Protein backbone atom coordinates (compact mmCIF):
# COMPACT_ATOMS: atom_id res chain seq x y z
CA UNK A 1 0.00 0.23 0.07
CA UNK A 2 3.02 2.68 -0.03
CA UNK A 3 2.85 2.50 -3.50
CA UNK A 4 -0.33 4.08 -3.39
CA UNK A 5 -0.90 7.92 -3.01
CA UNK A 6 -4.60 8.32 -3.84
CA UNK A 7 -5.45 9.89 -0.61
CA UNK A 8 -2.74 12.13 -0.17
CA UNK A 9 -3.00 15.86 -1.03
CA UNK A 10 -3.71 16.37 -4.64
CA UNK A 11 -4.01 12.47 -5.25
CA UNK A 12 -6.67 10.72 -7.08
CA UNK A 13 -8.39 8.18 -5.16
CA UNK A 14 -8.41 4.75 -6.86
CA UNK A 15 -5.55 4.67 -9.05
CA UNK A 16 -1.65 4.19 -8.62
CA UNK A 17 0.73 6.93 -9.63
CA UNK A 18 0.19 7.42 -13.61
CA UNK A 19 -0.46 6.87 -16.30
CA UNK A 20 2.62 7.31 -18.15
CA UNK A 21 4.27 9.95 -18.21
CA UNK A 22 2.90 10.97 -14.56
CA UNK A 23 3.79 7.88 -13.17
CA UNK A 24 4.52 4.22 -14.17
CA UNK A 25 1.01 2.44 -13.93
CA UNK A 26 -2.14 2.90 -16.21
CA UNK A 27 -5.39 2.94 -14.67
CA UNK A 28 -6.33 -0.65 -15.01
CA UNK A 29 -3.76 -1.63 -12.37
CA UNK A 30 -5.49 0.16 -9.43
CA UNK A 31 -8.66 -2.17 -10.24
CA UNK A 32 -6.27 -4.94 -9.97
CA UNK A 33 -4.77 -3.48 -6.59
CA UNK A 34 -8.30 -3.66 -4.92
CA UNK A 35 -8.90 -6.87 -6.12
CA UNK A 36 -5.44 -8.03 -4.38
CA UNK A 37 -6.72 -6.45 -1.30
CA UNK A 38 -10.27 -7.63 -1.36
CA UNK A 39 -8.49 -11.22 -1.18
CA UNK A 40 -6.32 -10.10 1.59
CA UNK A 41 -9.17 -9.16 3.51
CA UNK A 42 -10.81 -12.32 2.81
CA UNK A 43 -8.10 -14.46 3.64
CA UNK A 44 -6.42 -12.65 6.53
CA UNK A 45 -9.95 -10.93 8.33
CA UNK A 46 -7.70 -7.91 8.47
CA UNK A 47 -10.15 -4.82 8.19
CA UNK A 48 -7.74 -2.03 8.37
CA UNK A 49 -7.54 -1.30 4.45
CA UNK A 50 -11.63 -1.90 3.96
CA UNK A 51 -12.67 1.81 4.06
CA UNK A 52 -9.77 2.89 1.68
CA UNK A 53 -10.79 -0.19 -0.74
CA UNK A 54 -14.59 0.94 -0.82
CA UNK A 55 -13.53 4.60 -1.45
CA UNK A 56 -11.20 3.83 -4.06
CA UNK A 57 -13.47 1.21 -5.81
CA UNK A 58 -16.34 3.54 -5.93
CA UNK A 59 -14.46 6.85 -6.80
CA UNK A 60 -13.52 5.20 -10.29
CA UNK A 61 -16.84 4.18 -11.34
CA UNK A 62 -17.48 7.06 -13.69
CA UNK A 63 -20.73 8.75 -13.97
CA UNK A 64 -22.68 6.00 -15.39
CA UNK A 65 -21.64 3.57 -12.63
CA UNK A 66 -19.78 1.26 -15.02
CA UNK A 67 -16.21 1.56 -14.72
CA UNK A 68 -15.75 4.08 -17.78
CA UNK A 69 -14.48 7.31 -16.25
CA UNK A 70 -14.34 10.03 -19.07
CA UNK A 71 -10.75 11.11 -17.66
CA UNK A 72 -9.53 7.44 -18.74
CA UNK A 73 -11.05 7.49 -22.12
CA UNK A 74 -7.73 8.15 -24.12
CA UNK A 75 -6.45 4.47 -22.78
CA UNK A 76 -9.77 2.62 -22.26
CA UNK A 77 -9.81 -0.88 -23.06
CA UNK A 78 -12.00 -3.74 -22.46
CA UNK A 79 -9.36 -5.54 -20.27
CA UNK A 80 -8.95 -2.19 -18.28
CA UNK A 81 -12.86 -2.10 -17.12
CA UNK A 82 -12.98 -6.01 -17.20
CA UNK A 83 -10.25 -5.67 -14.28
CA UNK A 84 -12.10 -3.31 -12.49
CA UNK A 85 -15.62 -5.31 -13.12
CA UNK A 86 -13.82 -8.39 -11.74
CA UNK A 87 -12.64 -6.84 -8.59
CA UNK A 88 -16.39 -5.66 -7.87
CA UNK A 89 -17.49 -9.26 -8.83
CA UNK A 90 -14.87 -10.69 -6.14
CA UNK A 91 -16.21 -7.89 -3.57
CA UNK A 92 -19.78 -9.48 -4.09
CA UNK A 93 -18.42 -13.11 -4.23
CA UNK A 94 -16.61 -12.80 -0.86
CA UNK A 95 -19.11 -10.90 1.10
CA UNK A 96 -16.78 -7.77 1.04
CA UNK A 97 -18.56 -5.07 3.26
CA UNK A 98 -21.54 -3.45 1.07
CA UNK A 99 -21.22 -0.12 0.28
CA UNK A 100 -23.97 2.57 1.68
CA UNK A 101 -27.13 2.03 -0.16
CA UNK A 102 -27.04 5.12 -1.98
CA UNK A 103 -23.82 4.27 -3.60
CA UNK A 104 -23.07 1.65 -6.50
CA UNK A 105 -23.50 -1.83 -5.50
CA UNK A 106 -20.67 -4.35 -6.46
CA UNK A 107 -22.83 -6.83 -8.04
CA UNK A 108 -24.45 -4.08 -9.92
CA UNK A 109 -21.26 -2.67 -10.82
CA UNK A 110 -19.90 -6.21 -12.35
CA UNK A 111 -23.29 -6.30 -14.18
CA UNK A 112 -22.69 -2.84 -15.68
CA UNK A 113 -19.12 -3.79 -16.81
CA UNK A 114 -20.53 -7.20 -18.36
CA UNK A 115 -23.68 -5.32 -20.02
CA UNK A 116 -21.69 -2.79 -21.78
CA UNK A 117 -19.19 -5.09 -23.17
CA UNK A 118 -22.16 -7.51 -24.12
CA UNK A 119 -23.65 -4.45 -26.06
CA UNK A 120 -23.64 -4.97 -29.69
CA UNK A 121 -21.88 -1.81 -30.30
CA UNK A 122 -18.70 -3.83 -28.81
CA UNK A 123 -19.24 -6.69 -31.20
CA UNK A 124 -18.42 -6.82 -35.07
CA UNK A 125 -18.16 -9.46 -37.78
CA UNK A 126 -14.30 -8.77 -38.42
CA UNK A 127 -12.44 -11.96 -37.31
CA UNK A 128 -16.09 -13.81 -37.00
CA UNK A 129 -16.85 -11.88 -33.51
CA UNK A 130 -14.84 -11.43 -30.26
CA UNK A 131 -14.14 -7.98 -28.62
CA UNK A 132 -11.68 -5.58 -29.62
CA UNK A 133 -8.84 -4.71 -27.19
CA UNK A 134 -9.65 -0.79 -27.20
CA UNK A 135 -13.19 0.35 -26.71
CA UNK A 136 -13.16 3.90 -28.30
CA UNK A 137 -12.51 4.09 -32.04
CA UNK A 138 -10.05 6.43 -31.98
CA UNK A 139 -7.66 4.33 -29.56
CA UNK A 140 -4.50 2.79 -30.77
CA UNK A 141 -5.18 -0.64 -30.64
CA UNK A 142 -8.99 -0.57 -31.82
CA UNK A 143 -8.01 -2.80 -34.58
CA UNK A 144 -6.69 -5.66 -32.31
CA UNK A 145 -8.59 -8.44 -30.94
CA UNK A 146 -6.87 -9.92 -27.84
CA UNK A 147 -7.41 -12.76 -25.23
CA UNK A 148 -7.25 -10.74 -22.27
CA UNK A 149 -10.08 -8.48 -23.40
CA UNK A 150 -12.02 -11.57 -24.04
CA UNK A 151 -11.00 -13.71 -21.33
CA UNK A 152 -12.08 -10.78 -18.75
CA UNK A 153 -15.69 -10.56 -20.66
CA UNK A 154 -15.47 -14.53 -20.39
CA UNK A 155 -14.64 -14.79 -16.65
CA UNK A 156 -17.22 -12.27 -15.80
CA UNK A 157 -20.09 -13.96 -17.58
CA UNK A 158 -19.34 -17.39 -16.05
CA UNK A 159 -19.12 -15.81 -12.58
CA UNK A 160 -22.19 -13.77 -13.11
CA UNK A 161 -24.08 -17.27 -14.33
CA UNK A 162 -22.88 -19.03 -11.06
CA UNK A 163 -23.71 -16.03 -8.59
CA UNK A 164 -27.35 -15.25 -10.09
CA UNK A 165 -27.90 -18.85 -11.61
CA UNK A 166 -28.55 -17.08 -15.07
CA UNK A 167 -27.99 -18.94 -18.47
CA UNK A 168 -28.07 -15.67 -20.42
CA UNK A 169 -24.52 -14.68 -18.59
CA UNK A 170 -23.28 -18.61 -19.13
CA UNK A 171 -24.47 -18.23 -22.97
CA UNK A 172 -22.15 -15.71 -23.18
CA UNK A 173 -19.20 -17.24 -21.67
CA UNK A 174 -19.73 -19.99 -23.67
CA UNK A 175 -19.65 -18.01 -26.79
CA UNK A 176 -16.96 -16.23 -25.99
CA UNK A 177 -14.77 -19.52 -25.13
CA UNK A 178 -15.78 -21.02 -28.76
CA UNK A 179 -14.66 -17.95 -30.33
CA UNK A 180 -11.41 -17.60 -28.48
CA UNK A 181 -10.45 -21.32 -29.83
CA UNK A 182 -12.04 -20.91 -33.19
CA UNK A 183 -9.90 -17.81 -34.10
CA UNK A 184 -6.77 -19.62 -32.83
CA UNK A 185 -6.02 -17.57 -29.85
CA UNK A 186 -6.31 -20.74 -27.90
CA UNK A 187 -4.70 -23.94 -29.38
CA UNK A 188 -5.60 -27.61 -28.76
CA UNK A 189 -2.63 -27.42 -26.32
CA UNK A 190 -4.20 -24.88 -24.49
CA UNK A 191 -1.15 -22.47 -25.32
CA UNK A 192 -3.22 -18.92 -25.40
CA UNK A 193 -1.42 -16.20 -27.52
CA UNK A 194 -2.04 -12.73 -27.21
CA UNK A 195 -4.08 -11.50 -30.02
CA UNK A 196 -4.34 -10.47 -33.58
CA UNK A 197 -5.55 -7.75 -36.01
CA UNK A 198 -8.76 -7.34 -37.76
CA UNK A 199 -7.21 -6.07 -41.15
CA UNK A 200 -5.60 -9.88 -41.37
CA UNK A 201 -9.06 -11.27 -40.17
CA UNK A 202 -6.93 -12.17 -37.02
CA UNK A 203 -4.67 -14.58 -38.98
CA UNK A 204 -1.71 -12.75 -37.83
CA UNK A 205 -1.51 -14.19 -34.50
CA UNK A 206 1.00 -12.72 -31.94
CA UNK A 207 2.05 -15.78 -30.36
CA UNK A 208 3.40 -14.32 -26.87
CA UNK A 209 2.05 -15.97 -24.03
CA UNK A 210 1.15 -14.42 -20.62
CA UNK A 211 0.15 -15.96 -17.32
CA UNK A 212 -2.60 -13.94 -16.80
CA UNK A 213 -4.27 -15.00 -19.82
CA UNK A 214 -3.99 -18.89 -18.62
CA UNK A 215 -5.42 -17.67 -15.11
CA UNK A 216 -8.23 -15.56 -16.38
CA UNK A 217 -9.59 -18.40 -18.42
CA UNK A 218 -8.86 -21.06 -16.01
CA UNK A 219 -10.80 -19.22 -13.39
CA UNK A 220 -13.68 -18.72 -15.52
CA UNK A 221 -13.73 -22.13 -16.78
CA UNK A 222 -13.76 -23.35 -12.94
CA UNK A 223 -16.92 -21.09 -12.67
CA UNK A 224 -18.27 -22.69 -15.66
CA UNK A 225 -17.59 -26.10 -14.21
CA UNK A 226 -19.17 -25.28 -11.11
CA UNK A 227 -22.36 -23.66 -12.93
CA UNK A 228 -22.72 -26.74 -14.66
CA UNK A 229 -22.65 -29.04 -11.74
CA UNK A 230 -19.35 -30.62 -13.05
CA UNK A 231 -20.08 -31.12 -16.96
CA UNK A 232 -17.52 -33.10 -18.40
CA UNK A 233 -16.45 -30.72 -21.15
CA UNK A 234 -15.82 -27.82 -18.61
CA UNK A 235 -13.81 -30.44 -16.53
CA UNK A 236 -11.69 -31.40 -19.17
CA UNK A 237 -11.09 -27.89 -20.34
CA UNK A 238 -10.17 -27.02 -16.88
CA UNK A 239 -7.73 -29.85 -16.61
CA UNK A 240 -6.30 -29.27 -19.95
CA UNK A 241 -5.67 -25.43 -18.69
CA UNK A 242 -4.33 -26.61 -15.42
CA UNK A 243 -1.89 -28.98 -16.90
CA UNK A 244 -0.95 -26.29 -19.66
CA UNK A 245 -0.49 -23.38 -17.13
CA UNK A 246 1.80 -25.44 -14.81
CA UNK A 247 3.95 -26.54 -17.84
CA UNK A 248 4.16 -23.16 -19.30
CA UNK A 249 4.44 -20.49 -16.25
CA UNK A 250 5.78 -22.69 -13.58
CA UNK A 251 10.02 -23.61 -13.73
CA UNK A 252 10.44 -26.22 -10.93
CA UNK A 253 7.23 -25.23 -9.57
CA UNK A 254 7.99 -21.40 -9.31
CA UNK A 255 5.70 -18.82 -11.17
CA UNK A 256 7.74 -17.58 -14.41
CA UNK A 257 6.47 -15.07 -16.73
CA UNK A 258 7.90 -16.76 -19.90
CA UNK A 259 7.47 -14.18 -22.35
CA UNK A 260 9.65 -11.52 -20.60
CA UNK A 261 11.54 -12.86 -17.74
CA UNK A 262 14.55 -14.49 -19.36
CA UNK A 263 15.89 -11.04 -20.46
CA UNK A 264 13.74 -8.96 -18.00
CA UNK A 265 12.33 -7.12 -20.75
CA UNK A 266 8.76 -7.17 -18.77
CA UNK A 267 6.68 -3.93 -18.69
CA UNK A 268 5.24 -2.47 -15.61
CA UNK A 269 2.07 -4.17 -16.63
CA UNK A 270 3.44 -7.64 -16.82
CA UNK A 271 5.40 -7.16 -13.75
CA UNK A 272 1.91 -8.07 -11.86
CA UNK A 273 0.91 -10.86 -13.71
CA UNK A 274 2.09 -13.72 -11.42
CA UNK A 275 -0.22 -12.21 -8.51
CA UNK A 276 -3.17 -12.98 -10.62
CA UNK A 277 -1.99 -16.35 -11.43
CA UNK A 278 -1.73 -17.19 -7.98
CA UNK A 279 -4.76 -15.88 -6.68
CA UNK A 280 -6.87 -16.87 -9.52
CA UNK A 281 -5.60 -20.36 -9.65
CA UNK A 282 -6.28 -20.50 -5.68
CA UNK A 283 -9.86 -19.63 -6.05
CA UNK A 284 -10.11 -22.21 -8.91
CA UNK A 285 -9.43 -24.85 -6.34
CA UNK A 286 -12.50 -23.99 -4.58
CA UNK A 287 -14.91 -24.05 -7.28
CA UNK A 288 -13.44 -27.07 -8.91
CA UNK A 289 -12.22 -28.80 -6.09
CA UNK A 290 -10.96 -31.64 -8.28
CA UNK A 291 -7.91 -29.52 -8.92
CA UNK A 292 -6.82 -28.85 -5.49
CA UNK A 293 -4.34 -31.80 -5.18
CA UNK A 294 -2.52 -30.85 -8.09
CA UNK A 295 -2.34 -27.08 -8.07
CA UNK A 296 -2.10 -26.23 -4.40
CA UNK A 297 1.06 -27.98 -3.69
CA UNK A 298 2.67 -25.93 -6.60
CA UNK A 299 1.24 -22.75 -5.43
CA UNK A 300 2.77 -23.42 -1.96
CA UNK A 301 6.46 -24.04 -3.49
CA UNK A 302 5.99 -20.92 -5.48
CA UNK A 303 4.90 -18.85 -2.65
CA UNK A 304 8.04 -19.81 -0.80
CA UNK A 305 10.27 -19.08 -3.48
CA UNK A 306 8.65 -15.61 -3.70
CA UNK A 307 9.33 -15.23 0.06
CA UNK A 308 12.96 -16.05 -0.09
CA UNK A 309 13.93 -13.26 -2.62
CA UNK A 310 12.13 -10.86 -0.52
CA UNK A 311 15.27 -9.67 1.02
CA UNK A 312 15.59 -6.04 -0.67
CA UNK A 313 16.40 -2.78 1.10
CA UNK A 314 15.73 -0.64 3.19
CA UNK A 315 13.98 -3.34 5.42
CA UNK A 316 15.51 -6.14 4.20
CA UNK A 317 12.10 -7.53 3.24
CA UNK A 318 11.17 -5.55 0.11
CA UNK A 319 10.09 -7.86 -2.85
CA UNK A 320 11.42 -8.31 -6.26
CA UNK A 321 10.34 -9.90 -9.25
CA UNK A 322 12.13 -12.83 -10.00
CA UNK A 323 11.32 -15.65 -7.59
CA UNK A 324 13.45 -18.54 -9.31
CA UNK A 325 16.77 -17.58 -8.44
CA UNK A 326 16.00 -16.96 -4.79
CA UNK A 327 17.90 -13.73 -4.87
CA UNK A 328 16.46 -10.40 -4.94
CA UNK A 329 16.74 -8.77 -8.27
CA UNK A 330 16.36 -5.11 -7.37
CA UNK A 331 12.92 -4.91 -9.56
CA UNK A 332 10.53 -3.23 -7.26
CA UNK A 333 7.22 -1.65 -7.60
CA UNK A 334 3.49 -2.29 -7.03
CA UNK A 335 2.90 -5.03 -9.19
CA UNK A 336 6.13 -6.94 -7.71
CA UNK A 337 4.55 -6.34 -4.21
CA UNK A 338 1.01 -7.23 -5.13
CA UNK A 339 2.51 -10.72 -6.62
CA UNK A 340 3.94 -12.00 -3.42
CA UNK A 341 1.05 -10.63 -1.33
CA UNK A 342 -1.34 -12.40 -3.39
CA UNK A 343 0.64 -15.64 -3.14
CA UNK A 344 1.05 -15.57 0.32
CA UNK A 345 -2.45 -14.39 1.51
CA UNK A 346 -3.56 -17.20 -0.92
CA UNK A 347 -2.15 -19.86 1.38
CA UNK A 348 -4.80 -19.18 3.83
CA UNK A 349 -7.28 -20.76 1.44
CA UNK A 350 -8.01 -23.89 3.31
CA UNK A 351 -9.70 -21.53 6.22
CA UNK A 352 -11.68 -19.58 4.16
CA UNK A 353 -15.12 -19.48 2.82
CA UNK A 354 -15.45 -20.73 -0.95
CA UNK A 355 -17.00 -17.50 -3.31
CA UNK A 356 -20.73 -17.38 -2.32
CA UNK A 357 -23.79 -16.81 -4.71
CA UNK A 358 -27.33 -14.96 -4.42
CA UNK A 359 -28.62 -17.72 -2.46
CA UNK A 360 -25.69 -19.14 -0.50
CA UNK A 361 -24.63 -15.97 1.56
CA UNK A 362 -24.55 -13.23 -1.23
CA UNK A 363 -25.75 -9.84 -0.05
CA UNK A 364 -24.71 -7.70 -2.92
CA UNK A 365 -27.63 -6.08 -4.68
CA UNK A 366 -27.73 -6.27 -8.47
CA UNK A 367 -29.13 -4.42 -11.27
CA UNK A 368 -29.79 -6.69 -14.76
CA UNK A 369 -30.20 -3.17 -16.63
CA UNK A 370 -27.13 -1.73 -15.14
CA UNK A 371 -24.55 0.08 -17.91
CA UNK A 372 -27.59 0.63 -20.38
CA UNK A 373 -26.86 3.44 -22.87
CA UNK A 374 -23.17 3.82 -21.44
CA UNK A 375 -21.07 3.44 -24.78
CA UNK A 376 -22.95 6.78 -26.51
CA UNK A 377 -19.89 8.85 -26.04
CA UNK A 378 -17.59 6.24 -27.63
CA UNK A 379 -19.59 4.76 -30.31
CA UNK A 380 -17.92 4.35 -33.71
CA UNK A 381 -19.38 6.67 -36.49
CA UNK A 382 -21.47 5.53 -39.21
CA UNK A 383 -18.65 4.98 -42.51
CA UNK A 384 -19.44 7.32 -45.23
CA UNK A 385 -19.69 5.44 -48.74
CA UNK A 386 -20.01 6.83 -52.13
CA UNK A 387 -19.61 5.67 -55.84
CA UNK A 388 -18.53 9.07 -56.71
CA UNK A 389 -14.75 8.79 -56.50
CA UNK A 390 -14.20 12.18 -57.79
CA UNK A 391 -15.44 13.31 -54.20
CA UNK A 392 -13.40 10.98 -52.74
CA UNK A 393 -11.00 13.87 -51.41
CA UNK A 394 -13.74 15.83 -49.77
CA UNK A 395 -15.15 12.67 -48.28
CA UNK A 396 -11.82 11.91 -46.64
CA UNK A 397 -11.68 15.23 -45.41
CA UNK A 398 -15.03 15.18 -43.94
CA UNK A 399 -14.53 11.49 -42.34
CA UNK A 400 -11.24 13.07 -40.68
CA UNK A 401 -13.24 15.97 -39.30
CA UNK A 402 -15.77 13.79 -37.98
CA UNK A 403 -13.14 11.37 -36.21
CA UNK A 404 -11.38 14.35 -34.78
CA UNK A 405 -14.35 16.23 -33.56
CA UNK A 406 -16.09 12.88 -31.96
CA UNK A 407 -12.59 12.24 -30.22
CA UNK A 408 -12.51 15.95 -28.94
CA UNK A 409 -15.93 15.96 -27.85
CA UNK A 410 -15.06 12.26 -25.93
CA UNK A 411 -11.91 13.63 -24.37
CA UNK A 412 -13.67 16.92 -22.87
CA UNK A 413 -16.02 14.36 -21.32
CA UNK A 414 -18.71 13.72 -23.46
């Protein structure tokens, strides 16, 4: 929490210092931090940070209560919004104290994120479906469809299906999983690749693999297994992903980020992935208990390796990023600390309650219509078409002017 300055004079509640160049961290990692702290409370019972977590989670909901605050539009991706939505969903599932009744509620916030992402405006026919990485059409990366954006949507759908016993969410989750496999972002060996561009019909797949992709699909698949009362299809998918994740992202049973750790080319974002891997695999063992005997011993050994390298200055307890060597690597930051906190606090899973549902102890109030109409200020403009090639230059100017005008309006706050 020493990396968080949202309550300092001039600070912005909810976010870590950033985004670049103002600080190292993009908006989404604040949402990930609060999920880590909610799990910390859930496993330890320590309420020290609860009020701070609630303040942070509510401050960033945006005017439509859907985790699309206008001031982050210039870098707003479906995955960014999804991380905040998954933290809200976690709060509902573990019974984190509900906000005051006049404030947005955890379940409703998760539903709002899901509903905005299920809106037809977020889906198109390119690559046969799937969510794009970015939400506003003017953002760099709007032409990219990636695993993490679709994984967050899949994950939320699976969890809402179980929490509310609602097949509509499950149908969306199934559809998302099928699309990811059909386009080749997840292959038959359960390797999950980063993404591809719509211009190539998603055939130019970037084969980089990141642990949080495996983790987000693993947890979602475990929830689908639970929701379907142990359907053999989802059992097989969970088992296949478990084996692939241990194979690809644990070296000698120690979490390892294969895309960047060898040469230490990890970005600030990537430096936080091991924590989600540990946390989500741990929760998986509660909603798909057949995985526990294989997974928990690996997570214990990985967490021990994490602790062994937390020997950095100034107090001899600061944690780095590389766990496998057993020595502090001088790579420090919020993500590196979140990784170890997530890994260590998750070791208390045996004494914690499994995620609840609406009829097994859940108290959070939902809203099936949450997020309705939220995309109006980022809607993709209708393309201008004409058969008159003589006017092509004029039409191009009109399109550019329209895009610039829309983006300017959007940046001001819509």
